[in-house]
Amino acid sequence: MCRWRLYHRHAFLRLSIKYFDIESHYDTLTVHFGQNFNNRAMIVYEWSGTNIDNRDLFITNDNVYLVFTTDRTLNATGFSLNYEFIEKG
């Protein structure tokens, strides 16, 4: 499992998924909103497989966790994404 916390007070998050290819149903990339990972109140997105290339998401919460989980049985090429914070106001 890999976890990334993306936080910038009073900002929007733009998440750009450029490429996505992971094992369907067994590997997942999940986006959570919340103050800490152990008390995540909301799963916003969860992806698996190969169906989300070239997608831009605008997330209005300023505290986001990305979690990649794998069972390590099959290897695919992975994913590529970029993020950018856009200050509110």
C-alpha atoms as a PDB file:
ATOM      1  CA  MET A   1       0.000   0.000   0.000  1.00  0.00           C
ATOM      2  CA  CYS A   2       1.215   3.493  -0.863  1.00  0.00           C
ATOM      3  CA  ARG A   3      -0.386   6.620   0.607  1.00  0.00           C
ATOM      4  CA  TRP A   4      -0.028  10.267  -0.345  1.00  0.00           C
ATOM      5  CA  ARG A   5      -1.543  13.191   1.533  1.00  0.00           C
ATOM      6  CA  LEU A   6      -2.247  16.261  -0.597  1.00  0.00           C
ATOM      7  CA  TYR A   7      -3.025  19.303   1.529  1.00  0.00           C
ATOM      8  CA  HIS A   8      -3.105  23.022   0.918  1.00  0.00           C
ATOM      9  CA  ARG A   9      -5.259  25.205   3.119  1.00  0.00           C
ATOM     10  CA  HIS A  10      -7.968  27.118   1.247  1.00  0.00           C
ATOM     11  CA  ALA A  11      -7.210  25.602  -2.137  1.00  0.00           C
ATOM     12  CA  PHE A  12      -8.802  23.409  -4.766  1.00  0.00           C
ATOM     13  CA  LEU A  13      -6.966  20.391  -6.089  1.00  0.00           C
ATOM     14  CA  ARG A  14      -6.689  19.595  -9.774  1.00  0.00           C
ATOM     15  CA  LEU A  15      -5.781  15.954 -10.304  1.00  0.00           C
ATOM     16  CA  SER A  16      -4.766  15.018 -13.858  1.00  0.00           C
ATOM     17  CA  ILE A  17      -4.619  11.327 -14.701  1.00  0.00           C
ATOM     18  CA  LYS A  18      -2.490  10.927 -17.803  1.00  0.00           C
ATOM     19  CA  TYR A  19      -2.217   7.158 -17.963  1.00  0.00           C
ATOM     20  CA  PHE A  20      -3.809   4.339 -15.980  1.00  0.00           C
ATOM     21  CA  ASP A  21      -3.209   0.591 -16.279  1.00  0.00           C
ATOM     22  CA  ILE A  22      -3.412  -1.550 -13.122  1.00  0.00           C
ATOM     23  CA  GLU A  23      -4.783  -5.035 -12.456  1.00  0.00           C
ATOM     24  CA  SER A  24      -8.560  -4.872 -12.586  1.00  0.00           C
ATOM     25  CA  HIS A  25     -10.447  -5.705  -9.344  1.00  0.00           C
ATOM     26  CA  TYR A  26      -7.267  -6.490  -7.350  1.00  0.00           C
ATOM     27  CA  ASP A  27      -5.286  -3.234  -7.514  1.00  0.00           C
ATOM     28  CA  THR A  28      -6.990   0.063  -6.748  1.00  0.00           C
ATOM     29  CA  LEU A  29      -6.310   3.772  -6.558  1.00  0.00           C
ATOM     30  CA  THR A  30      -8.668   5.455  -4.105  1.00  0.00           C
ATOM     31  CA  VAL A  31      -9.254   9.154  -3.329  1.00  0.00           C
ATOM     32  CA  HIS A  32     -10.378   9.983   0.228  1.00  0.00           C
ATOM     33  CA  PHE A  33     -11.457  13.260   1.838  1.00  0.00           C
ATOM     34  CA  GLY A  34     -10.712  13.807   5.510  1.00  0.00           C
ATOM     35  CA  GLN A  35      -8.456  15.183   8.208  1.00  0.00           C
ATOM     36  CA  ASN A  36      -6.436  11.992   8.674  1.00  0.00           C
ATOM     37  CA  PHE A  37      -6.101   8.659   6.951  1.00  0.00           C
ATOM     38  CA  ASN A  38      -7.344   6.562   9.875  1.00  0.00           C
ATOM     39  CA  ASN A  39     -10.564   8.577  10.176  1.00  0.00           C
ATOM     40  CA  ARG A  40     -11.411   9.005   6.504  1.00  0.00           C
ATOM     41  CA  ALA A  41     -15.062   9.868   6.275  1.00  0.00           C
ATOM     42  CA  MET A  42     -15.572   9.701   2.552  1.00  0.00           C
ATOM     43  CA  ILE A  43     -14.265   7.704  -0.397  1.00  0.00           C
ATOM     44  CA  VAL A  44     -14.747   9.971  -3.380  1.00  0.00           C
ATOM     45  CA  TYR A  45     -13.254   7.928  -6.222  1.00  0.00           C
ATOM     46  CA  GLU A  46     -11.984   4.402  -6.569  1.00  0.00           C
ATOM     47  CA  TRP A  47     -10.444   3.106  -9.802  1.00  0.00           C
ATOM     48  CA  SER A  48      -9.138  -0.187 -11.069  1.00  0.00           C
ATOM     49  CA  GLY A  49      -8.309  -1.481 -14.537  1.00  0.00           C
ATOM     50  CA  THR A  50      -7.559   0.689 -17.559  1.00  0.00           C
ATOM     51  CA  ASN A  51     -10.529   2.967 -18.212  1.00  0.00           C
ATOM     52  CA  ILE A  52      -9.548   6.435 -16.961  1.00  0.00           C
ATOM     53  CA  ASP A  53      -6.739   7.822 -19.168  1.00  0.00           C
ATOM     54  CA  ASN A  54      -6.570  11.586 -19.763  1.00  0.00           C
ATOM     55  CA  ARG A  55      -9.014  12.672 -17.090  1.00  0.00           C
ATOM     56  CA  ASP A  56      -8.898  15.907 -15.086  1.00  0.00           C
ATOM     57  CA  LEU A  57     -10.668  16.096 -11.726  1.00  0.00           C
ATOM     58  CA  PHE A  58     -11.310  19.255  -9.738  1.00  0.00           C
ATOM     59  CA  ILE A  59     -11.600  18.483  -6.038  1.00  0.00           C
ATOM     60  CA  THR A  60     -12.954  21.191  -3.749  1.00  0.00           C
ATOM     61  CA  ASN A  61     -11.723  19.653  -0.497  1.00  0.00           C
ATOM     62  CA  ASP A  62      -8.304  20.938   0.632  1.00  0.00           C
ATOM     63  CA  ASN A  63      -7.332  17.712   2.440  1.00  0.00           C
ATOM     64  CA  VAL A  64      -7.077  14.662   0.161  1.00  0.00           C
ATOM     65  CA  TYR A  65      -5.495  11.231   0.487  1.00  0.00           C
ATOM     66  CA  LEU A  66      -4.545   9.056  -2.476  1.00  0.00           C
ATOM     67  CA  VAL A  67      -4.137   5.372  -1.639  1.00  0.00           C
ATOM     68  CA  PHE A  68      -2.767   2.758  -4.032  1.00  0.00           C
ATOM     69  CA  THR A  69      -3.354  -0.850  -2.982  1.00  0.00           C
ATOM     70  CA  THR A  70      -2.046  -3.917  -4.799  1.00  0.00           C
ATOM     71  CA  ASP A  71      -2.054  -7.668  -4.269  1.00  0.00           C
ATOM     72  CA  ARG A  72       1.276  -7.966  -6.175  1.00  0.00           C
ATOM     73  CA  THR A  73       0.208 -11.004  -8.210  1.00  0.00           C
ATOM     74  CA  LEU A  74       0.177  -9.490 -11.711  1.00  0.00           C
ATOM     75  CA  ASN A  75       2.174  -6.522 -12.971  1.00  0.00           C
ATOM     76  CA  ALA A  76       0.704  -3.913 -15.265  1.00  0.00           C
ATOM     77  CA  THR A  77       2.381  -0.713 -16.434  1.00  0.00           C
ATOM     78  CA  GLY A  78       0.962   1.442 -13.605  1.00  0.00           C
ATOM     79  CA  PHE A  79      -0.330   4.990 -13.665  1.00  0.00           C
ATOM     80  CA  SER A  80       0.840   8.535 -14.166  1.00  0.00           C
ATOM     81  CA  LEU A  81      -0.818  11.541 -12.584  1.00  0.00           C
ATOM     82  CA  ASN A  82      -0.079  15.159 -11.796  1.00  0.00           C
ATOM     83  CA  TYR A  83      -1.625  17.448  -9.228  1.00  0.00           C
ATOM     84  CA  GLU A  84      -1.896  21.190  -8.844  1.00  0.00           C
ATOM     85  CA  PHE A  85      -3.287  23.359  -6.054  1.00  0.00           C
ATOM     86  CA  ILE A  86      -5.430  26.314  -7.088  1.00  0.00           C
ATOM     87  CA  GLU A  87      -5.956  28.891  -4.359  1.00  0.00           C
ATOM     88  CA  LYS A  88      -9.573  29.816  -3.579  1.00  0.00           C
ATOM     89  CA  GLY A  89     -10.682  33.351  -4.185  1.00  0.00           C
END
